[in-house]
Amino acid sequence: MSVKPVAHLPVGTVTSHIRILREQKVLLDSDLAALYGVTTNVLVQQSSVMPTAFPATSCFSSTPQSGKL
């Protein structure tokens, strides 16, 4: 199976989706998925299939108990 090369996104396109959450810059999975033209489910699935592309130190999950954005 061949892997498609990742297209580079313009910096302004990405930075417009960055939010501040608890004094940290974050990019929501829904925004990242939209930038790459895939569903959130596909993005989450790929994060478990390709852990080197999505290092654990840069990913986290929030829960309703975590609070609102």
PDB file of N, CA and C in Angstrom:
ATOM      1  N   MET A   1       0.843  -1.176   0.000  1.00  0.00           N
ATOM      2  CA  MET A   1       0.000   0.000   0.000  1.00  0.00           C
ATOM      3  C   MET A   1       0.887   1.237   0.000  1.00  0.00           C
ATOM      4  N   SER A   2       0.645   2.148  -0.909  1.00  0.00           N
ATOM      5  CA  SER A   2       1.448   3.359  -0.956  1.00  0.00           C
ATOM      6  C   SER A   2       0.788   4.465  -0.139  1.00  0.00           C
ATOM      7  N   VAL A   3       1.626   5.276   0.433  1.00  0.00           N
ATOM      8  CA  VAL A   3       1.145   6.383   1.252  1.00  0.00           C
ATOM      9  C   VAL A   3       1.197   7.653   0.424  1.00  0.00           C
ATOM     10  N   LYS A   4       0.111   8.415   0.446  1.00  0.00           N
ATOM     11  CA  LYS A   4       0.080   9.677  -0.279  1.00  0.00           C
ATOM     12  C   LYS A   4       0.953  10.694   0.444  1.00  0.00           C
ATOM     13  N   PRO A   5       1.681  11.511  -0.283  1.00  0.00           N
ATOM     14  CA  PRO A   5       2.459  12.561   0.376  1.00  0.00           C
ATOM     15  C   PRO A   5       1.510  13.586   0.998  1.00  0.00           C
ATOM     16  N   VAL A   6       1.900  14.104   2.129  1.00  0.00           N
ATOM     17  CA  VAL A   6       1.075  15.093   2.816  1.00  0.00           C
ATOM     18  C   VAL A   6       1.266  16.453   2.158  1.00  0.00           C
ATOM     19  N   ALA A   7       0.168  17.069   1.793  1.00  0.00           N
ATOM     20  CA  ALA A   7       0.229  18.416   1.221  1.00  0.00           C
ATOM     21  C   ALA A   7       0.475  19.403   2.356  1.00  0.00           C
ATOM     22  N   HIS A   8       1.306  20.369   2.106  1.00  0.00           N
ATOM     23  CA  HIS A   8       1.565  21.387   3.115  1.00  0.00           C
ATOM     24  C   HIS A   8       0.457  22.419   3.072  1.00  0.00           C
ATOM     25  N   LEU A   9      -0.031  22.782   4.245  1.00  0.00           N
ATOM     26  CA  LEU A   9      -1.089  23.764   4.353  1.00  0.00           C
ATOM     27  C   LEU A   9      -0.482  25.128   4.632  1.00  0.00           C
ATOM     28  N   PRO A  10      -1.077  26.191   4.097  1.00  0.00           N
ATOM     29  CA  PRO A  10      -0.576  27.523   4.401  1.00  0.00           C
ATOM     30  C   PRO A  10      -0.661  27.804   5.906  1.00  0.00           C
ATOM     31  N   VAL A  11       0.359  28.449   6.432  1.00  0.00           N
ATOM     32  CA  VAL A  11       0.426  28.729   7.866  1.00  0.00           C
ATOM     33  C   VAL A  11      -0.822  29.467   8.344  1.00  0.00           C
ATOM     34  N   GLY A  12      -1.272  30.453   7.599  1.00  0.00           N
ATOM     35  CA  GLY A  12      -2.450  31.222   7.997  1.00  0.00           C
ATOM     36  C   GLY A  12      -3.694  30.371   8.111  1.00  0.00           C
ATOM     37  N   THR A  13      -3.790  29.358   7.274  1.00  0.00           N
ATOM     38  CA  THR A  13      -4.941  28.461   7.323  1.00  0.00           C
ATOM     39  C   THR A  13      -4.944  27.676   8.618  1.00  0.00           C
ATOM     40  N   VAL A  14      -3.796  27.213   9.020  1.00  0.00           N
ATOM     41  CA  VAL A  14      -3.692  26.427  10.249  1.00  0.00           C
ATOM     42  C   VAL A  14      -3.846  27.322  11.472  1.00  0.00           C
ATOM     43  N   THR A  15      -3.144  28.425  11.499  1.00  0.00           N
ATOM     44  CA  THR A  15      -3.165  29.279  12.695  1.00  0.00           C
ATOM     45  C   THR A  15      -4.544  29.861  12.974  1.00  0.00           C
ATOM     46  N   SER A  16      -5.371  29.992  11.958  1.00  0.00           N
ATOM     47  CA  SER A  16      -6.714  30.530  12.192  1.00  0.00           C
ATOM     48  C   SER A  16      -7.580  29.547  12.975  1.00  0.00           C
ATOM     49  N   HIS A  17      -7.166  28.268  13.056  1.00  0.00           N
ATOM     50  CA  HIS A  17      -7.932  27.261  13.785  1.00  0.00           C
ATOM     51  C   HIS A  17      -7.379  26.990  15.185  1.00  0.00           C
ATOM     52  N   ILE A  18      -6.252  27.581  15.513  1.00  0.00           N
ATOM     53  CA  ILE A  18      -5.648  27.346  16.828  1.00  0.00           C
ATOM     54  C   ILE A  18      -6.443  28.092  17.888  1.00  0.00           C
ATOM     55  N   ARG A  19      -6.737  27.380  18.965  1.00  0.00           N
ATOM     56  CA  ARG A  19      -7.476  27.964  20.087  1.00  0.00           C
ATOM     57  C   ARG A  19      -6.594  27.903  21.325  1.00  0.00           C
ATOM     58  N   ILE A  20      -6.937  28.712  22.313  1.00  0.00           N
ATOM     59  CA  ILE A  20      -6.227  28.698  23.588  1.00  0.00           C
ATOM     60  C   ILE A  20      -7.117  27.989  24.600  1.00  0.00           C
ATOM     61  N   LEU A  21      -6.595  26.926  25.185  1.00  0.00           N
ATOM     62  CA  LEU A  21      -7.321  26.152  26.178  1.00  0.00           C
ATOM     63  C   LEU A  21      -6.403  25.942  27.366  1.00  0.00           C
ATOM     64  N   ARG A  22      -6.789  26.464  28.491  1.00  0.00           N
ATOM     65  CA  ARG A  22      -5.955  26.370  29.701  1.00  0.00           C
ATOM     66  C   ARG A  22      -4.535  26.840  29.445  1.00  0.00           C
ATOM     67  N   GLU A  23      -4.446  27.969  28.790  1.00  0.00           N
ATOM     68  CA  GLU A  23      -3.169  28.619  28.483  1.00  0.00           C
ATOM     69  C   GLU A  23      -2.268  27.787  27.566  1.00  0.00           C
ATOM     70  N   GLN A  24      -2.847  26.862  26.815  1.00  0.00           N
ATOM     71  CA  GLN A  24      -2.108  26.060  25.850  1.00  0.00           C
ATOM     72  C   GLN A  24      -2.724  26.255  24.476  1.00  0.00           C
ATOM     73  N   LYS A  25      -1.904  26.314  23.446  1.00  0.00           N
ATOM     74  CA  LYS A  25      -2.412  26.385  22.077  1.00  0.00           C
ATOM     75  C   LYS A  25      -2.835  24.991  21.653  1.00  0.00           C
ATOM     76  N   VAL A  26      -4.083  24.864  21.197  1.00  0.00           N
ATOM     77  CA  VAL A  26      -4.591  23.557  20.785  1.00  0.00           C
ATOM     78  C   VAL A  26      -5.275  23.657  19.427  1.00  0.00           C
ATOM     79  N   LEU A  27      -5.296  22.540  18.739  1.00  0.00           N
ATOM     80  CA  LEU A  27      -5.999  22.407  17.469  1.00  0.00           C
ATOM     81  C   LEU A  27      -6.941  21.234  17.645  1.00  0.00           C
ATOM     82  N   LEU A  28      -8.233  21.488  17.573  1.00  0.00           N
ATOM     83  CA  LEU A  28      -9.221  20.439  17.788  1.00  0.00           C
ATOM     84  C   LEU A  28      -9.175  19.413  16.668  1.00  0.00           C
ATOM     85  N   ASP A  29      -9.491  18.175  17.019  1.00  0.00           N
ATOM     86  CA  ASP A  29      -9.466  17.122  16.010  1.00  0.00           C
ATOM     87  C   ASP A  29     -10.426  17.417  14.866  1.00  0.00           C
ATOM     88  N   SER A  30     -11.559  18.028  15.150  1.00  0.00           N
ATOM     89  CA  SER A  30     -12.518  18.353  14.091  1.00  0.00           C
ATOM     90  C   SER A  30     -11.950  19.388  13.127  1.00  0.00           C
ATOM     91  N   ASP A  31     -11.202  20.358  13.659  1.00  0.00           N
ATOM     92  CA  ASP A  31     -10.573  21.366  12.798  1.00  0.00           C
ATOM     93  C   ASP A  31      -9.443  20.757  11.973  1.00  0.00           C
ATOM     94  N   LEU A  32      -8.632  19.912  12.601  1.00  0.00           N
ATOM     95  CA  LEU A  32      -7.530  19.271  11.883  1.00  0.00           C
ATOM     96  C   LEU A  32      -8.072  18.358  10.786  1.00  0.00           C
ATOM     97  N   ALA A  33      -9.122  17.620  11.096  1.00  0.00           N
ATOM     98  CA  ALA A  33      -9.729  16.743  10.096  1.00  0.00           C
ATOM     99  C   ALA A  33     -10.260  17.566   8.923  1.00  0.00           C
ATOM    100  N   ALA A  34     -10.905  18.677   9.208  1.00  0.00           N
ATOM    101  CA  ALA A  34     -11.435  19.533   8.142  1.00  0.00           C
ATOM    102  C   ALA A  34     -10.313  20.087   7.276  1.00  0.00           C
ATOM    103  N   LEU A  35      -9.192  20.462   7.889  1.00  0.00           N
ATOM    104  CA  LEU A  35      -8.058  20.982   7.128  1.00  0.00           C
ATOM    105  C   LEU A  35      -7.533  19.948   6.133  1.00  0.00           C
ATOM    106  N   TYR A  36      -7.553  18.689   6.527  1.00  0.00           N
ATOM    107  CA  TYR A  36      -7.057  17.629   5.662  1.00  0.00           C
ATOM    108  C   TYR A  36      -8.149  16.955   4.839  1.00  0.00           C
ATOM    109  N   GLY A  37      -9.383  17.410   5.004  1.00  0.00           N
ATOM    110  CA  GLY A  37     -10.470  16.892   4.187  1.00  0.00           C
ATOM    111  C   GLY A  37     -10.880  15.466   4.510  1.00  0.00           C
ATOM    112  N   VAL A  38     -10.790  15.101   5.780  1.00  0.00           N
ATOM    113  CA  VAL A  38     -11.222  13.774   6.219  1.00  0.00           C
ATOM    114  C   VAL A  38     -12.203  13.944   7.376  1.00  0.00           C
ATOM    115  N   THR A  39     -12.859  12.854   7.749  1.00  0.00           N
ATOM    116  CA  THR A  39     -13.753  12.925   8.898  1.00  0.00           C
ATOM    117  C   THR A  39     -12.947  12.826  10.181  1.00  0.00           C
ATOM    118  N   THR A  40     -13.550  13.258  11.269  1.00  0.00           N
ATOM    119  CA  THR A  40     -12.883  13.163  12.569  1.00  0.00           C
ATOM    120  C   THR A  40     -12.610  11.710  12.920  1.00  0.00           C
ATOM    121  N   ASN A  41     -13.545  10.819  12.574  1.00  0.00           N
ATOM    122  CA  ASN A  41     -13.346   9.392  12.858  1.00  0.00           C
ATOM    123  C   ASN A  41     -12.093   8.861  12.175  1.00  0.00           C
ATOM    124  N   VAL A  42     -11.873   9.252  10.931  1.00  0.00           N
ATOM    125  CA  VAL A  42     -10.681   8.808  10.197  1.00  0.00           C
ATOM    126  C   VAL A  42      -9.420   9.341  10.873  1.00  0.00           C
ATOM    127  N   LEU A  43      -9.435  10.593  11.277  1.00  0.00           N
ATOM    128  CA  LEU A  43      -8.274  11.190  11.936  1.00  0.00           C
ATOM    129  C   LEU A  43      -7.963  10.465  13.243  1.00  0.00           C
ATOM    130  N   VAL A  44      -8.972  10.201  14.050  1.00  0.00           N
ATOM    131  CA  VAL A  44      -8.771   9.509  15.327  1.00  0.00           C
ATOM    132  C   VAL A  44      -8.265   8.089  15.086  1.00  0.00           C
ATOM    133  N   GLN A  45      -8.819   7.417  14.093  1.00  0.00           N
ATOM    134  CA  GLN A  45      -8.376   6.062  13.761  1.00  0.00           C
ATOM    135  C   GLN A  45      -6.904   6.071  13.348  1.00  0.00           C
ATOM    136  N   GLN A  46      -6.522   7.014  12.507  1.00  0.00           N
ATOM    137  CA  GLN A  46      -5.134   7.085  12.049  1.00  0.00           C
ATOM    138  C   GLN A  46      -4.177   7.405  13.185  1.00  0.00           C
ATOM    139  N   SER A  47      -4.641   8.152  14.181  1.00  0.00           N
ATOM    140  CA  SER A  47      -3.759   8.467  15.307  1.00  0.00           C
ATOM    141  C   SER A  47      -3.403   7.219  16.100  1.00  0.00           C
ATOM    142  N   SER A  48      -4.284   6.207  16.096  1.00  0.00           N
ATOM    143  CA  SER A  48      -3.941   4.963  16.785  1.00  0.00           C
ATOM    144  C   SER A  48      -3.155   4.018  15.882  1.00  0.00           C
ATOM    145  N   VAL A  49      -3.365   4.109  14.572  1.00  0.00           N
ATOM    146  CA  VAL A  49      -2.661   3.243  13.620  1.00  0.00           C
ATOM    147  C   VAL A  49      -1.235   3.732  13.395  1.00  0.00           C
ATOM    148  N   MET A  50      -1.043   5.041  13.376  1.00  0.00           N
ATOM    149  CA  MET A  50       0.276   5.636  13.109  1.00  0.00           C
ATOM    150  C   MET A  50       0.713   6.504  14.290  1.00  0.00           C
ATOM    151  N   PRO A  51       1.084   5.901  15.400  1.00  0.00           N
ATOM    152  CA  PRO A  51       1.419   6.687  16.591  1.00  0.00           C
ATOM    153  C   PRO A  51       2.610   7.624  16.420  1.00  0.00           C
ATOM    154  N   THR A  52       3.520   7.324  15.493  1.00  0.00           N
ATOM    155  CA  THR A  52       4.662   8.221  15.300  1.00  0.00           C
ATOM    156  C   THR A  52       4.242   9.529  14.641  1.00  0.00           C
ATOM    157  N   ALA A  53       3.135   9.506  13.900  1.00  0.00           N
ATOM    158  CA  ALA A  53       2.635  10.727  13.274  1.00  0.00           C
ATOM    159  C   ALA A  53       1.848  11.577  14.273  1.00  0.00           C
ATOM    160  N   PHE A  54       1.375  10.942  15.335  1.00  0.00           N
ATOM    161  CA  PHE A  54       0.584  11.629  16.357  1.00  0.00           C
ATOM    162  C   PHE A  54       1.136  11.256  17.729  1.00  0.00           C
ATOM    163  N   PRO A  55       2.263  11.829  18.123  1.00  0.00           N
ATOM    164  CA  PRO A  55       2.881  11.441  19.393  1.00  0.00           C
ATOM    165  C   PRO A  55       1.957  11.714  20.588  1.00  0.00           C
ATOM    166  N   ALA A  56       2.007  10.823  21.554  1.00  0.00           N
ATOM    167  CA  ALA A  56       1.145  10.931  22.736  1.00  0.00           C
ATOM    168  C   ALA A  56       1.329  12.255  23.475  1.00  0.00           C
ATOM    169  N   THR A  57       2.522  12.821  23.409  1.00  0.00           N
ATOM    170  CA  THR A  57       2.773  14.087  24.108  1.00  0.00           C
ATOM    171  C   THR A  57       2.062  15.271  23.458  1.00  0.00           C
ATOM    172  N   SER A  58       1.586  15.081  22.224  1.00  0.00           N
ATOM    173  CA  SER A  58       0.899  16.185  21.561  1.00  0.00           C
ATOM    174  C   SER A  58      -0.595  15.937  21.388  1.00  0.00           C
ATOM    175  N   CYS A  59      -1.099  14.840  21.957  1.00  0.00           N
ATOM    176  CA  CYS A  59      -2.525  14.509  21.839  1.00  0.00           C
ATOM    177  C   CYS A  59      -3.121  14.300  23.222  1.00  0.00           C
ATOM    178  N   PHE A  60      -4.350  14.728  23.382  1.00  0.00           N
ATOM    179  CA  PHE A  60      -5.071  14.436  24.607  1.00  0.00           C
ATOM    180  C   PHE A  60      -6.551  14.406  24.294  1.00  0.00           C
ATOM    181  N   SER A  61      -7.300  13.778  25.145  1.00  0.00           N
ATOM    182  CA  SER A  61      -8.754  13.722  25.001  1.00  0.00           C
ATOM    183  C   SER A  61      -9.381  14.493  26.137  1.00  0.00           C
ATOM    184  N   SER A  62     -10.430  15.190  25.850  1.00  0.00           N
ATOM    185  CA  SER A  62     -11.150  15.882  26.912  1.00  0.00           C
ATOM    186  C   SER A  62     -12.466  15.159  27.147  1.00  0.00           C
ATOM    187  N   THR A  63     -13.010  15.372  28.299  1.00  0.00           N
ATOM    188  CA  THR A  63     -14.278  14.766  28.679  1.00  0.00           C
ATOM    189  C   THR A  63     -15.218  15.879  29.130  1.00  0.00           C
ATOM    190  N   PRO A  64     -16.502  15.586  29.217  1.00  0.00           N
ATOM    191  CA  PRO A  64     -17.417  16.616  29.735  1.00  0.00           C
ATOM    192  C   PRO A  64     -17.001  17.119  31.115  1.00  0.00           C
ATOM    193  N   GLN A  65     -16.359  16.250  31.899  1.00  0.00           N
ATOM    194  CA  GLN A  65     -15.907  16.657  33.224  1.00  0.00           C
ATOM    195  C   GLN A  65     -14.695  17.598  33.165  1.00  0.00           C
ATOM    196  N   SER A  66     -14.028  17.647  32.009  1.00  0.00           N
ATOM    197  CA  SER A  66     -12.852  18.517  31.855  1.00  0.00           C
ATOM    198  C   SER A  66     -13.237  19.991  31.842  1.00  0.00           C
ATOM    199  N   GLY A  67     -14.458  20.279  31.523  1.00  0.00           N
ATOM    200  CA  GLY A  67     -14.900  21.656  31.451  1.00  0.00           C
ATOM    201  C   GLY A  67     -15.144  22.073  30.031  1.00  0.00           C
ATOM    202  N   LYS A  68     -15.659  23.267  29.875  1.00  0.00           N
ATOM    203  CA  LYS A  68     -15.977  23.788  28.549  1.00  0.00           C
ATOM    204  C   LYS A  68     -14.769  24.513  27.959  1.00  0.00           C
ATOM    205  N   LEU A  69     -14.772  24.638  26.630  1.00  0.00           N
ATOM    206  CA  LEU A  69     -13.715  25.383  25.943  1.00  0.00           C
ATOM    207  C   LEU A  69     -13.792  26.840  26.264  1.00  0.00           C
TER     208      LEU A  69
END
